[in-house]
């Protein structure tokens, strides 16, 4: 295959916003600068400390992909499923026709915050009403490509430098890579499918693409005019960036908060389902998570 480099459509630095008490979020997708980027609806780089968090709330018609960088998050849903995400762990949640859950940062003994990345992914119209499901991917189970001494790639979904990921994590086809490097001018490249939208988010350090410098918190959106993304690391400090792609869904996005549909009539119906506890939201009626008031590191150690 001939290597054709994708060109950059546009880029900006995700600015920090407060979300309630004790939570800050750098949102890039889901803002006026980039409303959505099919199939992606939202990208949040979050830092939360108890008592802040994301208590009991619903979702419909989408998937969420959560990556933990630091600290721990406890999650629990209305089916009784619960678990803990630790540093390097991932969770793929398919809301489908309806899910109600809580995501609460664990109060760490050293009071350190909980840091991670959450991505919202649209579901194809025909899959919007599937049953909800979770896929947890532990850090130890994620394959790592090490093309050289100064570059490693966590292959969460896809194939990088010949290393294949775990399969069947999400319904909407997504590729997800976390690149890490500690040396300036280290070269990286990644092949991407021609029908995927692809973006790059610099969580630490800096990268250079086509001679341009992109510092920490830069989000780069690529055109669909090639099959490869390549660049170099642009600092001697530790660099970490996320390279993520997803199948472009040729469908309208009609969204209100965590409910995503393809037309407003269907969206109104979802609201009705949620309010009346029907069509997927039966278990949401009167449901309250056991973690909504917080959970400590000691309690996690006792339970898990």
Protein backbone atom coordinates (compact mmCIF):
# COMPACT_ATOMS: atom_id res chain seq x y z
CA UNK A 1 0.00 0.00 0.00
CA UNK A 2 1.35 3.40 -0.95
CA UNK A 3 1.69 5.69 2.04
CA UNK A 4 -0.49 8.79 1.65
CA UNK A 5 -0.31 11.26 4.54
CA UNK A 6 -3.53 12.77 5.81
CA UNK A 7 -3.53 16.56 5.94
CA UNK A 8 -4.67 18.57 8.93
CA UNK A 9 -8.19 20.05 8.73
CA UNK A 10 -7.83 22.23 11.83
CA UNK A 11 -6.60 22.26 15.42
CA UNK A 12 -7.04 24.09 18.70
CA UNK A 13 -6.05 23.81 22.35
CA UNK A 14 -8.75 22.41 24.63
CA UNK A 15 -9.44 25.00 27.31
CA UNK A 16 -10.22 24.16 30.89
CA UNK A 17 -13.75 24.57 32.25
CA UNK A 18 -15.16 23.91 35.71
CA UNK A 19 -17.84 21.23 35.92
CA UNK A 20 -19.44 21.47 39.33
CA UNK A 21 -17.40 21.46 42.53
CA UNK A 22 -13.95 19.90 42.30
CA UNK A 23 -14.09 18.90 38.64
CA UNK A 24 -12.31 20.48 35.69
CA UNK A 25 -12.75 19.32 32.14
CA UNK A 26 -10.82 20.11 28.97
CA UNK A 27 -13.42 19.47 26.28
CA UNK A 28 -12.44 19.51 22.62
CA UNK A 29 -15.14 17.60 20.73
CA UNK A 30 -18.58 18.79 21.83
CA UNK A 31 -17.72 22.51 21.84
CA UNK A 32 -18.52 25.36 19.46
CA UNK A 33 -15.07 24.86 17.90
CA UNK A 34 -15.88 21.24 17.01
CA UNK A 35 -19.51 20.33 17.64
CA UNK A 36 -18.99 16.71 16.63
CA UNK A 37 -16.68 14.67 14.38
CA UNK A 38 -18.63 11.59 13.29
CA UNK A 39 -18.88 9.15 14.99
CA UNK A 40 -17.47 11.17 17.92
CA UNK A 41 -19.76 13.40 19.96
CA UNK A 42 -17.62 14.49 22.89
CA UNK A 43 -14.06 14.30 24.19
CA UNK A 44 -13.37 15.25 27.81
CA UNK A 45 -9.96 15.24 29.50
CA UNK A 46 -11.22 15.28 33.10
CA UNK A 47 -9.68 15.90 36.52
CA UNK A 48 -12.07 15.16 39.38
CA UNK A 49 -11.66 15.02 43.13
CA UNK A 50 -14.29 13.81 45.60
CA UNK A 51 -16.93 14.87 46.41
CA UNK A 52 -17.21 15.83 42.73
CA UNK A 53 -18.05 13.15 40.20
CA UNK A 54 -20.69 12.05 37.76
CA UNK A 55 -23.52 10.72 39.96
CA UNK A 56 -26.57 8.78 38.75
CA UNK A 57 -27.39 9.82 35.16
CA UNK A 58 -28.88 8.23 32.01
CA UNK A 59 -27.56 7.62 28.47
CA UNK A 60 -29.21 6.51 25.23
CA UNK A 61 -28.13 5.84 21.64
CA UNK A 62 -24.37 6.09 22.17
CA UNK A 63 -21.27 4.42 23.57
CA UNK A 64 -18.79 5.88 26.04
CA UNK A 65 -15.10 4.96 26.15
CA UNK A 66 -13.26 5.87 29.35
CA UNK A 67 -9.48 5.74 29.85
CA UNK A 68 -8.01 6.16 33.34
CA UNK A 69 -4.65 7.94 33.63
CA UNK A 70 -4.42 8.50 37.37
CA UNK A 71 -6.41 7.58 40.46
CA UNK A 72 -9.46 5.32 40.40
CA UNK A 73 -13.08 5.64 39.35
CA UNK A 74 -15.88 3.49 40.72
CA UNK A 75 -18.82 2.78 38.43
CA UNK A 76 -22.20 1.20 39.06
CA UNK A 77 -25.31 0.86 36.91
CA UNK A 78 -29.00 0.07 37.30
CA UNK A 79 -28.46 -3.63 36.53
CA UNK A 80 -26.32 -3.91 39.66
CA UNK A 81 -23.09 -4.17 37.65
CA UNK A 82 -20.22 -2.40 39.39
CA UNK A 83 -16.48 -2.15 39.17
CA UNK A 84 -13.35 -0.07 39.60
CA UNK A 85 -11.18 1.45 36.89
CA UNK A 86 -7.52 1.80 37.88
CA UNK A 87 -4.68 3.63 36.07
CA UNK A 88 -4.34 2.38 32.50
CA UNK A 89 -7.73 0.61 32.57
CA UNK A 90 -10.43 1.21 29.98
CA UNK A 91 -14.15 0.86 29.92
CA UNK A 92 -16.37 0.56 26.85
CA UNK A 93 -20.01 1.17 27.75
CA UNK A 94 -22.77 0.72 25.18
CA UNK A 95 -25.85 2.59 26.39
CA UNK A 96 -28.06 1.40 23.52
CA UNK A 97 -31.75 1.77 24.29
CA UNK A 98 -31.10 2.92 27.82
CA UNK A 99 -28.57 2.90 30.63
CA UNK A 100 -28.42 4.63 33.96
CA UNK A 101 -25.16 4.71 35.85
CA UNK A 102 -22.84 6.58 38.22
CA UNK A 103 -19.12 7.29 37.81
CA UNK A 104 -17.54 8.45 41.06
CA UNK A 105 -13.87 9.16 41.78
CA UNK A 106 -12.42 7.10 44.61
CA UNK A 107 -11.17 9.20 47.53
CA UNK A 108 -7.48 8.30 47.54
CA UNK A 109 -5.49 8.07 50.79
CA UNK A 110 -3.13 10.78 49.46
CA UNK A 111 -6.06 12.97 48.22
CA UNK A 112 -4.73 12.86 44.64
CA UNK A 113 -7.31 13.58 41.93
CA UNK A 114 -8.69 11.20 39.37
CA UNK A 115 -7.60 11.97 35.79
CA UNK A 116 -8.75 10.40 32.56
CA UNK A 117 -10.24 10.75 29.12
CA UNK A 118 -13.86 10.11 28.20
CA UNK A 119 -15.02 9.83 24.61
CA UNK A 120 -18.66 9.66 23.50
CA UNK A 121 -19.31 7.69 20.31
CA UNK A 122 -22.51 7.75 18.26
CA UNK A 123 -24.21 4.41 17.53
CA UNK A 124 -25.42 3.58 14.01
CA UNK A 125 -29.20 4.21 13.72
CA UNK A 126 -29.95 0.48 13.51
CA UNK A 127 -28.06 -0.20 16.77
CA UNK A 128 -29.43 2.65 18.89
CA UNK A 129 -31.81 0.32 20.70
CA UNK A 130 -29.49 -2.58 21.50
CA UNK A 131 -29.31 -3.79 25.10
CA UNK A 132 -26.75 -1.96 27.23
CA UNK A 133 -23.42 -3.68 27.89
CA UNK A 134 -20.02 -3.06 29.44
CA UNK A 135 -16.57 -4.19 28.38
CA UNK A 136 -13.80 -3.51 30.90
CA UNK A 137 -10.27 -3.76 29.58
CA UNK A 138 -7.58 -4.02 32.24
CA UNK A 139 -4.25 -2.29 31.75
CA UNK A 140 -2.40 -5.65 31.94
CA UNK A 141 -4.51 -7.04 29.09
CA UNK A 142 -3.76 -4.22 26.62
CA UNK A 143 -1.10 -5.21 24.06
CA UNK A 144 1.82 -2.79 23.68
CA UNK A 145 3.85 -2.15 20.52
CA UNK A 146 7.46 -1.08 21.11
CA UNK A 147 8.84 -0.05 17.70
CA UNK A 148 12.01 1.35 19.35
CA UNK A 149 13.50 2.23 22.76
CA UNK A 150 11.82 5.64 22.80
CA UNK A 151 8.31 4.83 21.58
CA UNK A 152 5.56 2.60 22.95
CA UNK A 153 1.96 2.32 21.77
CA UNK A 154 -0.91 0.92 23.81
CA UNK A 155 -3.01 -0.84 21.18
CA UNK A 156 -6.45 -0.54 22.71
CA UNK A 157 -8.34 -1.07 19.47
CA UNK A 158 -6.76 -1.65 16.04
CA UNK A 159 -3.27 -2.57 14.86
CA UNK A 160 -0.09 -0.56 15.42
CA UNK A 161 3.40 -1.59 14.27
CA UNK A 162 2.09 -5.13 13.72
CA UNK A 163 0.55 -5.50 17.18
CA UNK A 164 -3.17 -6.39 17.24
CA UNK A 165 -5.70 -5.33 19.87
CA UNK A 166 -8.30 -7.25 21.82
CA UNK A 167 -11.44 -7.60 19.65
CA UNK A 168 -15.18 -6.86 19.97
CA UNK A 169 -15.04 -3.94 22.38
CA UNK A 170 -17.56 -1.58 20.79
CA UNK A 171 -20.37 -1.71 18.24
CA UNK A 172 -19.25 1.37 16.29
CA UNK A 173 -15.89 0.55 14.66
CA UNK A 174 -13.21 2.57 16.48
CA UNK A 175 -9.39 2.50 16.52
CA UNK A 176 -7.76 3.75 19.71
CA UNK A 177 -4.02 4.14 20.42
CA UNK A 178 -2.04 5.75 23.24
CA UNK A 179 1.50 6.75 22.16
CA UNK A 180 4.22 7.41 24.73
CA UNK A 181 7.74 8.73 24.17
CA UNK A 182 10.58 10.31 26.15
CA UNK A 183 12.83 11.59 23.36
CA UNK A 184 12.59 14.58 21.03
CA UNK A 185 12.55 13.84 17.28
CA UNK A 186 11.30 10.27 17.80
CA UNK A 187 9.30 9.43 14.66
CA UNK A 188 5.82 7.88 14.82
CA UNK A 189 3.38 6.73 12.19
CA UNK A 190 0.01 5.03 12.16
CA UNK A 191 -2.05 3.64 9.30
CA UNK A 192 -5.76 4.49 9.43
CA UNK A 193 -8.79 3.21 7.49
CA UNK A 194 -9.86 5.46 4.61
CA UNK A 195 -13.49 5.71 5.83
CA UNK A 196 -12.59 6.75 9.40
CA UNK A 197 -12.44 10.24 10.86
CA UNK A 198 -9.21 10.55 12.86
CA UNK A 199 -8.07 13.00 15.53
CA UNK A 200 -5.03 13.33 17.79
CA UNK A 201 -5.06 14.67 21.35
CA UNK A 202 -1.82 15.65 23.13
CA UNK A 203 -2.32 14.85 26.83
CA UNK A 204 1.33 15.48 27.82
CA UNK A 205 4.36 16.96 26.06
CA UNK A 206 4.28 18.05 22.42
CA UNK A 207 4.31 16.70 18.87
CA UNK A 208 5.37 18.05 15.50
CA UNK A 209 3.42 17.27 12.34
CA UNK A 210 4.55 18.59 8.98
CA UNK A 211 7.02 20.88 10.77
CA UNK A 212 4.31 22.47 12.98
CA UNK A 213 4.63 22.36 16.79
CA UNK A 214 1.55 21.26 18.77
CA UNK A 215 1.84 21.65 22.57
CA UNK A 216 0.00 19.93 25.43
CA UNK A 217 -3.83 19.86 25.15
CA UNK A 218 -3.75 20.39 21.37
CA UNK A 219 -6.49 18.55 19.48
CA UNK A 220 -5.78 17.92 15.79
CA UNK A 221 -8.49 16.94 13.32
CA UNK A 222 -7.44 15.32 10.04
CA UNK A 223 -8.99 15.38 6.57
CA UNK A 224 -10.03 12.05 5.04
CA UNK A 225 -7.45 12.34 2.24
CA UNK A 226 -4.90 9.68 3.13
CA UNK A 227 -4.16 6.41 4.95
CA UNK A 228 -1.37 7.42 7.37
CA UNK A 229 -0.73 9.90 10.19
CA UNK A 230 2.90 10.62 10.92
CA UNK A 231 5.00 13.05 12.88
CA UNK A 232 7.70 13.41 15.52
CA UNK A 233 7.89 14.04 19.25
CA UNK A 234 8.70 17.71 19.83
CA UNK A 235 10.05 17.86 23.39
CA UNK A 236 12.46 15.93 25.62
CA UNK A 237 9.84 15.81 28.35
CA UNK A 238 7.54 12.78 28.49
CA UNK A 239 4.97 12.93 25.71
CA UNK A 240 1.67 11.07 25.66
CA UNK A 241 -0.90 11.44 22.93
CA UNK A 242 -4.08 9.69 21.90
CA UNK A 243 -4.66 8.83 18.24
CA UNK A 244 -8.28 7.83 17.74
CA UNK A 245 -10.34 7.06 14.66
CA UNK A 246 -13.90 5.94 14.03
CA UNK A 247 -16.17 4.92 11.17
CA UNK A 248 -17.93 7.95 9.69
CA UNK A 249 -21.67 7.40 10.17
CA UNK A 250 -23.71 8.95 7.38
CA UNK A 251 -26.60 9.95 9.65
CA UNK A 252 -27.94 13.07 11.39
CA UNK A 253 -27.04 13.68 15.04
CA UNK A 254 -29.89 14.97 17.18
CA UNK A 255 -28.59 15.20 20.72
CA UNK A 256 -29.74 16.51 24.05
CA UNK A 257 -27.15 15.87 26.75
CA UNK A 258 -26.64 12.11 27.08
CA UNK A 259 -29.50 11.17 24.72
CA UNK A 260 -28.53 10.81 21.04
CA UNK A 261 -30.91 10.07 18.18
CA UNK A 262 -31.22 10.68 14.42
CA UNK A 263 -34.38 12.83 14.49
CA UNK A 264 -36.23 14.98 17.03
CA UNK A 265 -39.32 12.76 17.13
CA UNK A 266 -37.19 9.80 18.27
CA UNK A 267 -35.41 12.02 20.78
CA UNK A 268 -38.71 13.14 22.32
CA UNK A 269 -39.71 9.47 22.59
CA UNK A 270 -36.47 8.72 24.51
CA UNK A 271 -37.29 11.52 26.99
CA UNK A 272 -40.76 10.05 27.39
CA UNK A 273 -39.28 6.56 27.96
CA UNK A 274 -36.94 7.95 30.59
CA UNK A 275 -39.68 9.90 32.38
CA UNK A 276 -42.12 6.97 32.36
CA UNK A 277 -39.57 4.19 33.00
CA UNK A 278 -40.31 2.28 29.79
CA UNK A 279 -38.49 0.88 26.70
CA UNK A 280 -35.15 0.29 28.41
CA UNK A 281 -35.54 2.61 31.40
CA UNK A 282 -37.72 0.30 33.55
CA UNK A 283 -34.94 -0.21 36.10
CA UNK A 284 -34.19 3.53 36.28
CA UNK A 285 -37.38 4.20 38.28
CA UNK A 286 -36.33 5.00 41.83
CA UNK A 287 -32.83 3.58 41.25
CA UNK A 288 -30.05 5.08 43.34
CA UNK A 289 -26.44 3.93 43.17
CA UNK A 290 -24.69 2.80 46.36
CA UNK A 291 -21.66 4.93 45.44
CA UNK A 292 -23.46 8.23 44.85
CA UNK A 293 -22.24 9.62 48.21
CA UNK A 294 -18.63 8.60 47.59
CA UNK A 295 -16.25 5.69 48.10
CA UNK A 296 -12.78 5.58 49.65
CA UNK A 297 -9.60 3.75 48.65
CA UNK A 298 -9.91 1.64 51.84
CA UNK A 299 -13.48 0.61 50.90
CA UNK A 300 -12.28 -0.38 47.42
CA UNK A 301 -9.55 -2.55 48.95
CA UNK A 302 -12.16 -4.26 51.16
CA UNK A 303 -14.56 -4.99 48.30
CA UNK A 304 -12.21 -5.90 45.47
